[in-house]
Amino acid sequence: MGKGEQTRQLIVDRALTMAQRIGLEQVTLGVLADELDLSKSGLFAHFKSKEQLQLEVVAEAVARFTSTVILPALKAPRGLPRVQQLFEGYLRWIDSASGSSAHTGGCILMAFSYEYDDRPGPVHDAIQKAMQDWLDCIARVAKTAVDAGELAAGLDVKQFAFEFDGLLMAFHHAFKLHRNPRAEPMARKALAHLLERSTPTR
């Protein structure tokens, strides 16, 4: 990686850290220049606009989510092991973002979705695509479990993905907002109920 690419990556990394703390919309080129002790003209050499920077920050967040949650799950055997690993990967994602003591951080993509759900434009569209890709991934993984006979034939995998994502959102809410020490066991119980409802009747 050349010096220019290293500087660009440093800028994106710092912008992502700031976005988790103050929101992506508040990460301007001026604020970021002060944070990194760089000139605004130096930042403009890498990013021609605030929107371009925001899009790269979203792309970086998606890449980190993919490497932490999705890729490890896809290495598991097809079927229920992959479903379970998506769940475990999401817990790792929240744990790695939040640290062991203070519940800071959390799912940056969820934070972005709240921030931009009513704000049209390219950044909104990039976040929407990322969240839709996540739902599609869950549905595809669930389909492998259906094909393996581990989930019920005819299961509505889009509905399954909706509920799977919903229980993870509930976990995030309980863990982050309520500081509920039972957030993880409650999420595991919710997953067990979802899988029980979705398995073939014997």
N, C-alpha and C. Protein backbone atom coordinates (compact mmCIF):
# COMPACT_ATOMS: atom_id res chain seq x y z
N MET A 1 0.85 -1.19 0.00
CA MET A 1 0.00 0.00 0.00
C MET A 1 0.89 1.24 0.00
N GLY A 2 0.68 2.15 -0.96
CA GLY A 2 1.46 3.35 -1.06
C GLY A 2 1.11 4.35 0.03
N LYS A 3 1.93 5.40 0.14
CA LYS A 3 1.71 6.39 1.19
C LYS A 3 0.36 7.07 1.04
N GLY A 4 -0.01 7.39 -0.21
CA GLY A 4 -1.31 8.02 -0.44
C GLY A 4 -2.46 7.13 -0.01
N GLU A 5 -2.37 5.85 -0.31
CA GLU A 5 -3.41 4.91 0.09
C GLU A 5 -3.45 4.74 1.60
N GLN A 6 -2.27 4.74 2.23
CA GLN A 6 -2.22 4.64 3.68
C GLN A 6 -2.88 5.84 4.34
N THR A 7 -2.61 7.03 3.81
CA THR A 7 -3.23 8.24 4.35
C THR A 7 -4.74 8.20 4.16
N ARG A 8 -5.16 7.77 2.99
CA ARG A 8 -6.60 7.68 2.71
C ARG A 8 -7.27 6.71 3.68
N GLN A 9 -6.63 5.57 3.92
CA GLN A 9 -7.20 4.59 4.85
C GLN A 9 -7.24 5.14 6.27
N LEU A 10 -6.20 5.87 6.65
CA LEU A 10 -6.17 6.50 7.97
C LEU A 10 -7.33 7.47 8.13
N ILE A 11 -7.60 8.24 7.09
CA ILE A 11 -8.71 9.20 7.13
C ILE A 11 -10.03 8.48 7.30
N VAL A 12 -10.24 7.42 6.51
CA VAL A 12 -11.49 6.67 6.59
C VAL A 12 -11.65 6.02 7.96
N ASP A 13 -10.57 5.45 8.48
CA ASP A 13 -10.63 4.80 9.79
C ASP A 13 -11.02 5.81 10.88
N ARG A 14 -10.38 6.98 10.84
CA ARG A 14 -10.69 7.99 11.86
C ARG A 14 -12.11 8.52 11.69
N ALA A 15 -12.53 8.69 10.45
CA ALA A 15 -13.90 9.16 10.20
C ALA A 15 -14.92 8.16 10.72
N LEU A 16 -14.64 6.87 10.55
CA LEU A 16 -15.56 5.84 11.04
C LEU A 16 -15.63 5.86 12.57
N THR A 17 -14.48 6.03 13.20
CA THR A 17 -14.45 6.13 14.67
C THR A 17 -15.25 7.34 15.15
N MET A 18 -15.07 8.46 14.48
CA MET A 18 -15.81 9.67 14.84
C MET A 18 -17.30 9.50 14.60
N ALA A 19 -17.65 8.86 13.48
CA ALA A 19 -19.06 8.67 13.15
C ALA A 19 -19.76 7.85 14.21
N GLN A 20 -19.05 6.88 14.78
CA GLN A 20 -19.65 6.06 15.83
C GLN A 20 -19.90 6.89 17.09
N ARG A 21 -19.11 7.93 17.26
CA ARG A 21 -19.25 8.77 18.46
C ARG A 21 -20.23 9.93 18.27
N ILE A 22 -20.19 10.59 17.09
CA ILE A 22 -20.98 11.81 16.93
C ILE A 22 -21.98 11.73 15.77
N GLY A 23 -21.97 10.65 15.01
CA GLY A 23 -22.86 10.53 13.87
C GLY A 23 -22.15 10.86 12.58
N LEU A 24 -22.50 10.17 11.52
CA LEU A 24 -21.79 10.33 10.25
C LEU A 24 -22.00 11.72 9.66
N GLU A 25 -23.18 12.28 9.83
CA GLU A 25 -23.48 13.58 9.24
C GLU A 25 -22.60 14.68 9.84
N GLN A 26 -22.15 14.49 11.07
CA GLN A 26 -21.34 15.50 11.75
C GLN A 26 -19.85 15.40 11.38
N VAL A 27 -19.48 14.35 10.65
CA VAL A 27 -18.08 14.19 10.26
C VAL A 27 -17.84 14.97 8.98
N THR A 28 -17.45 16.22 9.13
CA THR A 28 -17.16 17.08 7.98
C THR A 28 -15.66 17.04 7.69
N LEU A 29 -15.29 17.51 6.52
CA LEU A 29 -13.87 17.55 6.17
C LEU A 29 -13.10 18.48 7.11
N GLY A 30 -13.75 19.58 7.54
CA GLY A 30 -13.10 20.50 8.45
C GLY A 30 -12.85 19.87 9.81
N VAL A 31 -13.87 19.22 10.35
CA VAL A 31 -13.74 18.55 11.66
C VAL A 31 -12.69 17.45 11.59
N LEU A 32 -12.70 16.70 10.49
CA LEU A 32 -11.75 15.60 10.33
C LEU A 32 -10.32 16.13 10.17
N ALA A 33 -10.17 17.25 9.48
CA ALA A 33 -8.84 17.85 9.32
C ALA A 33 -8.26 18.23 10.68
N ASP A 34 -9.12 18.81 11.53
CA ASP A 34 -8.67 19.17 12.88
C ASP A 34 -8.31 17.92 13.68
N GLU A 35 -9.12 16.90 13.55
CA GLU A 35 -8.91 15.66 14.30
C GLU A 35 -7.59 15.01 13.93
N LEU A 36 -7.24 15.07 12.64
CA LEU A 36 -6.04 14.40 12.15
C LEU A 36 -4.84 15.35 12.02
N ASP A 37 -5.08 16.63 12.35
CA ASP A 37 -4.03 17.64 12.21
C ASP A 37 -3.52 17.70 10.77
N LEU A 38 -4.48 17.69 9.84
CA LEU A 38 -4.18 17.83 8.42
C LEU A 38 -4.84 19.10 7.90
N SER A 39 -4.38 19.58 6.77
CA SER A 39 -5.02 20.72 6.14
C SER A 39 -6.27 20.26 5.39
N LYS A 40 -7.23 21.16 5.25
CA LYS A 40 -8.43 20.83 4.49
C LYS A 40 -8.07 20.53 3.04
N SER A 41 -7.10 21.25 2.53
CA SER A 41 -6.69 20.99 1.14
C SER A 41 -6.09 19.60 1.01
N GLY A 42 -5.39 19.14 2.06
CA GLY A 42 -4.85 17.79 2.04
C GLY A 42 -5.95 16.75 2.02
N LEU A 43 -7.02 17.01 2.78
CA LEU A 43 -8.16 16.09 2.76
C LEU A 43 -8.85 16.12 1.41
N PHE A 44 -8.98 17.31 0.83
CA PHE A 44 -9.64 17.42 -0.47
C PHE A 44 -8.87 16.68 -1.56
N ALA A 45 -7.57 16.49 -1.34
CA ALA A 45 -6.78 15.73 -2.31
C ALA A 45 -7.22 14.27 -2.35
N HIS A 46 -7.82 13.80 -1.25
CA HIS A 46 -8.27 12.40 -1.17
C HIS A 46 -9.78 12.28 -1.38
N PHE A 47 -10.53 13.27 -0.90
CA PHE A 47 -11.99 13.22 -1.00
C PHE A 47 -12.49 14.57 -1.48
N LYS A 48 -13.17 14.56 -2.61
CA LYS A 48 -13.59 15.81 -3.22
C LYS A 48 -14.81 16.42 -2.54
N SER A 49 -15.50 15.63 -1.71
CA SER A 49 -16.70 16.14 -1.06
C SER A 49 -16.96 15.36 0.22
N LYS A 50 -17.76 15.94 1.08
CA LYS A 50 -18.19 15.27 2.30
C LYS A 50 -18.94 13.99 1.97
N GLU A 51 -19.76 14.04 0.91
CA GLU A 51 -20.53 12.86 0.53
C GLU A 51 -19.64 11.71 0.09
N GLN A 52 -18.59 12.01 -0.65
CA GLN A 52 -17.67 10.96 -1.08
C GLN A 52 -17.01 10.30 0.13
N LEU A 53 -16.62 11.12 1.11
CA LEU A 53 -16.04 10.59 2.34
C LEU A 53 -17.06 9.70 3.06
N GLN A 54 -18.29 10.18 3.17
CA GLN A 54 -19.33 9.40 3.86
C GLN A 54 -19.55 8.05 3.19
N LEU A 55 -19.55 8.05 1.87
CA LEU A 55 -19.76 6.80 1.15
C LEU A 55 -18.62 5.82 1.41
N GLU A 56 -17.41 6.32 1.50
CA GLU A 56 -16.27 5.44 1.78
C GLU A 56 -16.31 4.94 3.22
N VAL A 57 -16.80 5.75 4.12
CA VAL A 57 -16.95 5.32 5.52
C VAL A 57 -17.98 4.20 5.60
N VAL A 58 -19.10 4.36 4.90
CA VAL A 58 -20.11 3.31 4.88
C VAL A 58 -19.52 2.03 4.29
N ALA A 59 -18.77 2.15 3.19
CA ALA A 59 -18.15 0.98 2.55
C ALA A 59 -17.18 0.29 3.51
N GLU A 60 -16.44 1.07 4.28
CA GLU A 60 -15.51 0.49 5.25
C GLU A 60 -16.27 -0.25 6.35
N ALA A 61 -17.36 0.33 6.82
CA ALA A 61 -18.17 -0.33 7.84
C ALA A 61 -18.74 -1.65 7.32
N VAL A 62 -19.20 -1.64 6.07
CA VAL A 62 -19.73 -2.85 5.46
C VAL A 62 -18.64 -3.91 5.34
N ALA A 63 -17.45 -3.50 4.94
CA ALA A 63 -16.33 -4.44 4.80
C ALA A 63 -15.98 -5.08 6.14
N ARG A 64 -16.00 -4.28 7.20
CA ARG A 64 -15.69 -4.83 8.53
C ARG A 64 -16.78 -5.77 9.00
N PHE A 65 -18.03 -5.41 8.74
CA PHE A 65 -19.14 -6.29 9.11
C PHE A 65 -19.04 -7.61 8.36
N THR A 66 -18.72 -7.52 7.08
CA THR A 66 -18.61 -8.72 6.25
C THR A 66 -17.51 -9.64 6.78
N SER A 67 -16.36 -9.07 7.11
CA SER A 67 -15.24 -9.89 7.57
C SER A 67 -15.48 -10.47 8.95
N THR A 68 -16.26 -9.78 9.79
CA THR A 68 -16.50 -10.25 11.15
C THR A 68 -17.67 -11.20 11.24
N VAL A 69 -18.72 -10.95 10.46
CA VAL A 69 -19.98 -11.69 10.61
C VAL A 69 -20.20 -12.69 9.48
N ILE A 70 -20.10 -12.23 8.24
CA ILE A 70 -20.56 -13.05 7.12
C ILE A 70 -19.53 -14.07 6.68
N LEU A 71 -18.31 -13.65 6.44
CA LEU A 71 -17.30 -14.58 5.91
C LEU A 71 -17.03 -15.76 6.85
N PRO A 72 -16.90 -15.55 8.17
CA PRO A 72 -16.72 -16.72 9.05
C PRO A 72 -17.90 -17.67 9.00
N ALA A 73 -19.12 -17.13 8.87
CA ALA A 73 -20.30 -18.00 8.80
C ALA A 73 -20.28 -18.84 7.53
N LEU A 74 -19.83 -18.26 6.43
CA LEU A 74 -19.82 -18.99 5.17
C LEU A 74 -18.77 -20.09 5.14
N LYS A 75 -17.86 -20.08 6.10
CA LYS A 75 -16.89 -21.16 6.22
C LYS A 75 -17.45 -22.36 6.98
N ALA A 76 -18.57 -22.16 7.67
CA ALA A 76 -19.22 -23.25 8.40
C ALA A 76 -19.96 -24.14 7.41
N PRO A 77 -20.25 -25.39 7.78
CA PRO A 77 -21.03 -26.27 6.90
C PRO A 77 -22.38 -25.64 6.54
N ARG A 78 -22.84 -25.91 5.34
CA ARG A 78 -24.12 -25.38 4.88
C ARG A 78 -25.24 -25.87 5.79
N GLY A 79 -26.26 -25.04 5.98
CA GLY A 79 -27.40 -25.43 6.79
C GLY A 79 -27.41 -24.70 8.13
N LEU A 80 -27.93 -25.37 9.15
CA LEU A 80 -28.07 -24.75 10.46
C LEU A 80 -26.74 -24.26 11.05
N PRO A 81 -25.61 -24.96 10.82
CA PRO A 81 -24.36 -24.40 11.34
C PRO A 81 -24.08 -22.99 10.83
N ARG A 82 -24.43 -22.71 9.58
CA ARG A 82 -24.22 -21.36 9.05
C ARG A 82 -25.19 -20.37 9.68
N VAL A 83 -26.42 -20.81 9.89
CA VAL A 83 -27.39 -19.93 10.56
C VAL A 83 -26.87 -19.56 11.94
N GLN A 84 -26.41 -20.56 12.66
CA GLN A 84 -25.90 -20.33 14.02
C GLN A 84 -24.67 -19.42 13.99
N GLN A 85 -23.81 -19.60 13.00
CA GLN A 85 -22.60 -18.79 12.93
C GLN A 85 -22.89 -17.34 12.55
N LEU A 86 -23.96 -17.10 11.78
CA LEU A 86 -24.36 -15.71 11.53
C LEU A 86 -24.73 -15.04 12.84
N PHE A 87 -25.46 -15.76 13.67
CA PHE A 87 -25.86 -15.24 14.99
C PHE A 87 -24.62 -14.97 15.85
N GLU A 88 -23.73 -15.96 15.92
CA GLU A 88 -22.53 -15.80 16.74
C GLU A 88 -21.65 -14.67 16.21
N GLY A 89 -21.58 -14.54 14.90
CA GLY A 89 -20.78 -13.49 14.31
C GLY A 89 -21.31 -12.11 14.66
N TYR A 90 -22.63 -11.98 14.70
CA TYR A 90 -23.22 -10.69 15.07
C TYR A 90 -22.89 -10.36 16.52
N LEU A 91 -22.94 -11.36 17.40
CA LEU A 91 -22.57 -11.11 18.80
C LEU A 91 -21.11 -10.67 18.89
N ARG A 92 -20.23 -11.29 18.10
CA ARG A 92 -18.82 -10.88 18.07
C ARG A 92 -18.71 -9.44 17.59
N TRP A 93 -19.49 -9.11 16.57
CA TRP A 93 -19.47 -7.77 15.99
C TRP A 93 -19.82 -6.72 17.05
N ILE A 94 -20.86 -6.97 17.83
CA ILE A 94 -21.26 -6.03 18.87
C ILE A 94 -20.22 -6.00 19.98
N ASP A 95 -19.70 -7.16 20.35
CA ASP A 95 -18.71 -7.23 21.43
C ASP A 95 -17.43 -6.49 21.03
N SER A 96 -16.98 -6.67 19.79
CA SER A 96 -15.74 -6.03 19.34
C SER A 96 -15.92 -4.52 19.25
N ALA A 97 -17.14 -4.07 18.95
CA ALA A 97 -17.39 -2.63 18.84
C ALA A 97 -17.60 -1.99 20.21
N SER A 98 -18.08 -2.79 21.18
CA SER A 98 -18.50 -2.21 22.45
C SER A 98 -17.45 -2.29 23.53
N GLY A 99 -16.50 -3.19 23.39
CA GLY A 99 -15.49 -3.33 24.43
C GLY A 99 -16.02 -4.13 25.61
N SER A 100 -15.16 -4.44 26.54
CA SER A 100 -15.54 -5.34 27.61
C SER A 100 -16.19 -4.65 28.80
N SER A 101 -16.01 -3.33 28.93
CA SER A 101 -16.53 -2.67 30.14
C SER A 101 -17.67 -1.72 29.81
N ALA A 102 -17.40 -0.64 29.11
CA ALA A 102 -18.46 0.31 28.77
C ALA A 102 -19.12 -0.12 27.47
N HIS A 103 -20.45 0.00 27.44
CA HIS A 103 -21.18 -0.43 26.24
C HIS A 103 -21.17 0.68 25.20
N THR A 104 -20.00 1.12 24.82
CA THR A 104 -19.89 2.10 23.75
C THR A 104 -19.92 1.37 22.41
N GLY A 105 -20.03 2.13 21.35
CA GLY A 105 -19.99 1.50 20.03
C GLY A 105 -21.32 0.88 19.66
N GLY A 106 -21.30 -0.41 19.44
CA GLY A 106 -22.49 -1.09 18.94
C GLY A 106 -22.41 -1.23 17.44
N CYS A 107 -23.51 -1.58 16.83
CA CYS A 107 -23.53 -1.80 15.39
C CYS A 107 -23.57 -0.47 14.65
N ILE A 108 -22.47 -0.11 14.03
CA ILE A 108 -22.39 1.17 13.34
C ILE A 108 -23.35 1.21 12.15
N LEU A 109 -23.59 0.09 11.50
CA LEU A 109 -24.52 0.07 10.38
C LEU A 109 -25.95 0.33 10.85
N MET A 110 -26.29 -0.19 12.03
CA MET A 110 -27.61 0.10 12.57
C MET A 110 -27.72 1.58 12.93
N ALA A 111 -26.64 2.13 13.49
CA ALA A 111 -26.64 3.55 13.81
C ALA A 111 -26.80 4.39 12.54
N PHE A 112 -26.10 3.99 11.48
CA PHE A 112 -26.24 4.71 10.21
C PHE A 112 -27.68 4.62 9.68
N SER A 113 -28.30 3.45 9.82
CA SER A 113 -29.65 3.28 9.29
C SER A 113 -30.64 4.18 10.03
N TYR A 114 -30.45 4.34 11.34
CA TYR A 114 -31.31 5.26 12.09
C TYR A 114 -31.07 6.70 11.67
N GLU A 115 -29.80 7.03 11.42
CA GLU A 115 -29.44 8.41 11.09
C GLU A 115 -29.94 8.82 9.72
N TYR A 116 -29.98 7.86 8.78
CA TYR A 116 -30.27 8.22 7.38
C TYR A 116 -31.58 7.64 6.86
N ASP A 117 -32.40 7.05 7.72
CA ASP A 117 -33.61 6.41 7.18
C ASP A 117 -34.55 7.40 6.51
N ASP A 118 -34.56 8.65 6.96
CA ASP A 118 -35.42 9.66 6.35
C ASP A 118 -34.62 10.74 5.62
N ARG A 119 -33.38 10.42 5.28
CA ARG A 119 -32.51 11.41 4.64
C ARG A 119 -32.13 10.88 3.26
N PRO A 120 -32.87 11.27 2.20
CA PRO A 120 -32.61 10.69 0.87
C PRO A 120 -31.27 11.10 0.31
N GLY A 121 -30.77 10.26 -0.59
CA GLY A 121 -29.52 10.58 -1.25
C GLY A 121 -28.62 9.36 -1.37
N PRO A 122 -27.45 9.52 -1.96
CA PRO A 122 -26.55 8.38 -2.19
C PRO A 122 -26.11 7.67 -0.91
N VAL A 123 -25.91 8.41 0.18
CA VAL A 123 -25.49 7.76 1.42
C VAL A 123 -26.62 6.89 1.96
N HIS A 124 -27.83 7.41 1.95
CA HIS A 124 -29.02 6.62 2.33
C HIS A 124 -29.09 5.36 1.49
N ASP A 125 -28.90 5.50 0.19
CA ASP A 125 -29.03 4.36 -0.72
C ASP A 125 -27.96 3.30 -0.43
N ALA A 126 -26.74 3.75 -0.11
CA ALA A 126 -25.67 2.80 0.19
C ALA A 126 -25.97 2.03 1.47
N ILE A 127 -26.49 2.73 2.47
CA ILE A 127 -26.84 2.07 3.74
C ILE A 127 -28.01 1.11 3.53
N GLN A 128 -29.01 1.55 2.78
CA GLN A 128 -30.16 0.69 2.50
C GLN A 128 -29.73 -0.58 1.78
N LYS A 129 -28.83 -0.45 0.82
CA LYS A 129 -28.35 -1.63 0.10
C LYS A 129 -27.60 -2.57 1.03
N ALA A 130 -26.78 -2.01 1.91
CA ALA A 130 -26.03 -2.85 2.84
C ALA A 130 -26.97 -3.64 3.75
N MET A 131 -28.01 -2.99 4.24
CA MET A 131 -28.95 -3.67 5.13
C MET A 131 -29.79 -4.70 4.37
N GLN A 132 -30.13 -4.41 3.11
CA GLN A 132 -30.86 -5.38 2.30
C GLN A 132 -29.98 -6.57 1.97
N ASP A 133 -28.71 -6.31 1.67
CA ASP A 133 -27.77 -7.41 1.40
C ASP A 133 -27.67 -8.33 2.62
N TRP A 134 -27.70 -7.77 3.83
CA TRP A 134 -27.65 -8.57 5.05
C TRP A 134 -28.90 -9.46 5.15
N LEU A 135 -30.06 -8.90 4.90
CA LEU A 135 -31.29 -9.70 4.93
C LEU A 135 -31.24 -10.80 3.87
N ASP A 136 -30.75 -10.46 2.69
CA ASP A 136 -30.65 -11.46 1.61
C ASP A 136 -29.68 -12.57 1.99
N CYS A 137 -28.60 -12.20 2.68
CA CYS A 137 -27.62 -13.20 3.13
C CYS A 137 -28.27 -14.17 4.11
N ILE A 138 -29.00 -13.63 5.08
CA ILE A 138 -29.69 -14.50 6.05
C ILE A 138 -30.64 -15.44 5.32
N ALA A 139 -31.40 -14.91 4.37
CA ALA A 139 -32.36 -15.73 3.63
C ALA A 139 -31.67 -16.84 2.85
N ARG A 140 -30.54 -16.51 2.22
CA ARG A 140 -29.80 -17.53 1.45
C ARG A 140 -29.26 -18.63 2.36
N VAL A 141 -28.73 -18.22 3.50
CA VAL A 141 -28.22 -19.21 4.46
C VAL A 141 -29.36 -20.09 4.98
N ALA A 142 -30.49 -19.48 5.27
CA ALA A 142 -31.65 -20.26 5.72
C ALA A 142 -32.08 -21.25 4.64
N LYS A 143 -31.99 -20.83 3.37
CA LYS A 143 -32.37 -21.72 2.27
C LYS A 143 -31.48 -22.96 2.23
N THR A 144 -30.19 -22.79 2.57
CA THR A 144 -29.32 -23.98 2.59
C THR A 144 -29.78 -24.96 3.66
N ALA A 145 -30.32 -24.43 4.76
CA ALA A 145 -30.84 -25.31 5.82
C ALA A 145 -32.13 -25.98 5.39
N VAL A 146 -32.95 -25.27 4.61
CA VAL A 146 -34.17 -25.88 4.05
C VAL A 146 -33.78 -27.00 3.10
N ASP A 147 -32.82 -26.73 2.22
CA ASP A 147 -32.38 -27.73 1.25
C ASP A 147 -31.79 -28.96 1.93
N ALA A 148 -31.19 -28.75 3.10
CA ALA A 148 -30.60 -29.87 3.84
C ALA A 148 -31.62 -30.61 4.69
N GLY A 149 -32.86 -30.14 4.69
CA GLY A 149 -33.90 -30.76 5.50
C GLY A 149 -33.83 -30.40 6.97
N GLU A 150 -33.01 -29.39 7.30
CA GLU A 150 -32.86 -28.99 8.71
C GLU A 150 -33.85 -27.91 9.10
N LEU A 151 -34.37 -27.19 8.13
CA LEU A 151 -35.49 -26.28 8.33
C LEU A 151 -36.62 -26.76 7.44
N ALA A 152 -37.83 -26.39 7.80
CA ALA A 152 -39.02 -26.94 7.16
C ALA A 152 -39.08 -26.63 5.67
N ALA A 153 -39.47 -27.62 4.88
CA ALA A 153 -39.71 -27.40 3.46
C ALA A 153 -40.81 -26.36 3.30
N GLY A 154 -40.64 -25.46 2.37
CA GLY A 154 -41.64 -24.42 2.16
C GLY A 154 -41.51 -23.25 3.12
N LEU A 155 -40.47 -23.25 3.97
CA LEU A 155 -40.26 -22.14 4.89
C LEU A 155 -40.10 -20.84 4.10
N ASP A 156 -40.78 -19.81 4.55
CA ASP A 156 -40.63 -18.48 3.95
C ASP A 156 -39.31 -17.90 4.47
N VAL A 157 -38.26 -18.01 3.67
CA VAL A 157 -36.93 -17.62 4.15
C VAL A 157 -36.82 -16.10 4.32
N LYS A 158 -37.61 -15.34 3.58
CA LYS A 158 -37.59 -13.90 3.77
C LYS A 158 -38.21 -13.53 5.12
N GLN A 159 -39.27 -14.22 5.49
CA GLN A 159 -39.86 -14.01 6.81
C GLN A 159 -38.89 -14.44 7.90
N PHE A 160 -38.21 -15.57 7.67
CA PHE A 160 -37.20 -16.04 8.62
C PHE A 160 -36.12 -14.98 8.80
N ALA A 161 -35.65 -14.41 7.69
CA ALA A 161 -34.61 -13.38 7.75
C ALA A 161 -35.10 -12.16 8.51
N PHE A 162 -36.35 -11.79 8.29
CA PHE A 162 -36.96 -10.65 8.98
C PHE A 162 -36.94 -10.87 10.49
N GLU A 163 -37.34 -12.07 10.92
CA GLU A 163 -37.40 -12.37 12.35
C GLU A 163 -36.01 -12.52 12.95
N PHE A 164 -35.10 -13.13 12.20
CA PHE A 164 -33.72 -13.30 12.65
C PHE A 164 -33.08 -11.93 12.87
N ASP A 165 -33.23 -11.05 11.89
CA ASP A 165 -32.69 -9.70 12.01
C ASP A 165 -33.37 -8.96 13.16
N GLY A 166 -34.67 -9.18 13.31
CA GLY A 166 -35.41 -8.51 14.38
C GLY A 166 -34.93 -8.89 15.77
N LEU A 167 -34.63 -10.17 15.98
CA LEU A 167 -34.16 -10.56 17.31
C LEU A 167 -32.76 -10.00 17.58
N LEU A 168 -31.95 -9.86 16.52
CA LEU A 168 -30.64 -9.25 16.71
C LEU A 168 -30.77 -7.76 17.02
N MET A 169 -31.72 -7.10 16.40
CA MET A 169 -31.98 -5.69 16.71
C MET A 169 -32.46 -5.55 18.15
N ALA A 170 -33.29 -6.48 18.59
CA ALA A 170 -33.78 -6.45 19.97
C ALA A 170 -32.63 -6.66 20.95
N PHE A 171 -31.71 -7.59 20.59
CA PHE A 171 -30.53 -7.80 21.42
C PHE A 171 -29.70 -6.53 21.51
N HIS A 172 -29.48 -5.89 20.38
CA HIS A 172 -28.68 -4.66 20.34
C HIS A 172 -29.31 -3.60 21.24
N HIS A 173 -30.62 -3.46 21.15
CA HIS A 173 -31.36 -2.46 21.94
C HIS A 173 -31.23 -2.77 23.43
N ALA A 174 -31.42 -4.05 23.79
CA ALA A 174 -31.34 -4.44 25.20
C ALA A 174 -29.93 -4.26 25.75
N PHE A 175 -28.95 -4.61 24.93
CA PHE A 175 -27.55 -4.55 25.34
C PHE A 175 -27.06 -3.11 25.46
N LYS A 176 -27.37 -2.31 24.44
CA LYS A 176 -26.83 -0.95 24.36
C LYS A 176 -27.63 0.05 25.19
N LEU A 177 -28.94 0.08 25.00
CA LEU A 177 -29.76 1.11 25.63
C LEU A 177 -30.09 0.76 27.08
N HIS A 178 -30.52 -0.48 27.28
CA HIS A 178 -30.98 -0.88 28.61
C HIS A 178 -29.88 -1.45 29.49
N ARG A 179 -28.71 -1.73 28.89
CA ARG A 179 -27.62 -2.34 29.65
C ARG A 179 -28.10 -3.60 30.36
N ASN A 180 -28.94 -4.35 29.69
CA ASN A 180 -29.55 -5.55 30.29
C ASN A 180 -28.52 -6.67 30.33
N PRO A 181 -28.14 -7.15 31.50
CA PRO A 181 -27.14 -8.22 31.57
C PRO A 181 -27.63 -9.54 30.99
N ARG A 182 -28.94 -9.64 30.78
CA ARG A 182 -29.52 -10.87 30.21
C ARG A 182 -29.76 -10.73 28.72
N ALA A 183 -29.24 -9.69 28.10
CA ALA A 183 -29.49 -9.46 26.68
C ALA A 183 -29.07 -10.65 25.84
N GLU A 184 -27.87 -11.18 26.08
CA GLU A 184 -27.40 -12.30 25.26
C GLU A 184 -28.19 -13.58 25.50
N PRO A 185 -28.41 -14.02 26.75
CA PRO A 185 -29.23 -15.24 26.92
C PRO A 185 -30.64 -15.08 26.39
N MET A 186 -31.20 -13.88 26.47
CA MET A 186 -32.54 -13.66 25.92
C MET A 186 -32.52 -13.78 24.40
N ALA A 187 -31.45 -13.26 23.77
CA ALA A 187 -31.33 -13.37 22.32
C ALA A 187 -31.17 -14.84 21.91
N ARG A 188 -30.39 -15.59 22.66
CA ARG A 188 -30.22 -17.02 22.37
C ARG A 188 -31.53 -17.77 22.51
N LYS A 189 -32.31 -17.41 23.50
CA LYS A 189 -33.61 -18.05 23.68
C LYS A 189 -34.55 -17.71 22.52
N ALA A 190 -34.50 -16.46 22.09
CA ALA A 190 -35.34 -16.04 20.95
C ALA A 190 -34.94 -16.80 19.69
N LEU A 191 -33.64 -16.99 19.48
CA LEU A 191 -33.17 -17.74 18.32
C LEU A 191 -33.64 -19.19 18.41
N ALA A 192 -33.55 -19.79 19.59
CA ALA A 192 -33.99 -21.17 19.76
C ALA A 192 -35.47 -21.31 19.43
N HIS A 193 -36.28 -20.33 19.84
CA HIS A 193 -37.71 -20.37 19.53
C HIS A 193 -37.96 -20.24 18.03
N LEU A 194 -37.20 -19.35 17.39
CA LEU A 194 -37.35 -19.17 15.94
C LEU A 194 -36.99 -20.46 15.21
N LEU A 195 -35.89 -21.09 15.59
CA LEU A 195 -35.48 -22.33 14.94
C LEU A 195 -36.47 -23.46 15.21
N GLU A 196 -37.00 -23.49 16.42
CA GLU A 196 -37.98 -24.53 16.77
C GLU A 196 -39.23 -24.39 15.90
N ARG A 197 -39.68 -23.15 15.70
CA ARG A 197 -40.87 -22.93 14.86
C ARG A 197 -40.59 -23.24 13.40
N SER A 198 -39.33 -23.20 13.01
CA SER A 198 -38.95 -23.33 11.61
C SER A 198 -38.47 -24.71 11.21
N THR A 199 -38.34 -25.62 12.17
CA THR A 199 -37.84 -26.95 11.86
C THR A 199 -38.98 -27.86 11.41
N PRO A 200 -38.65 -28.90 10.65
CA PRO A 200 -39.70 -29.82 10.17
C PRO A 200 -40.36 -30.53 11.35
N THR A 201 -41.65 -30.81 11.23
CA THR A 201 -42.34 -31.59 12.24
C THR A 201 -42.02 -33.06 12.00
N ARG A 202 -41.66 -33.75 13.05
CA ARG A 202 -41.27 -35.16 12.94
C ARG A 202 -42.48 -36.08 13.17
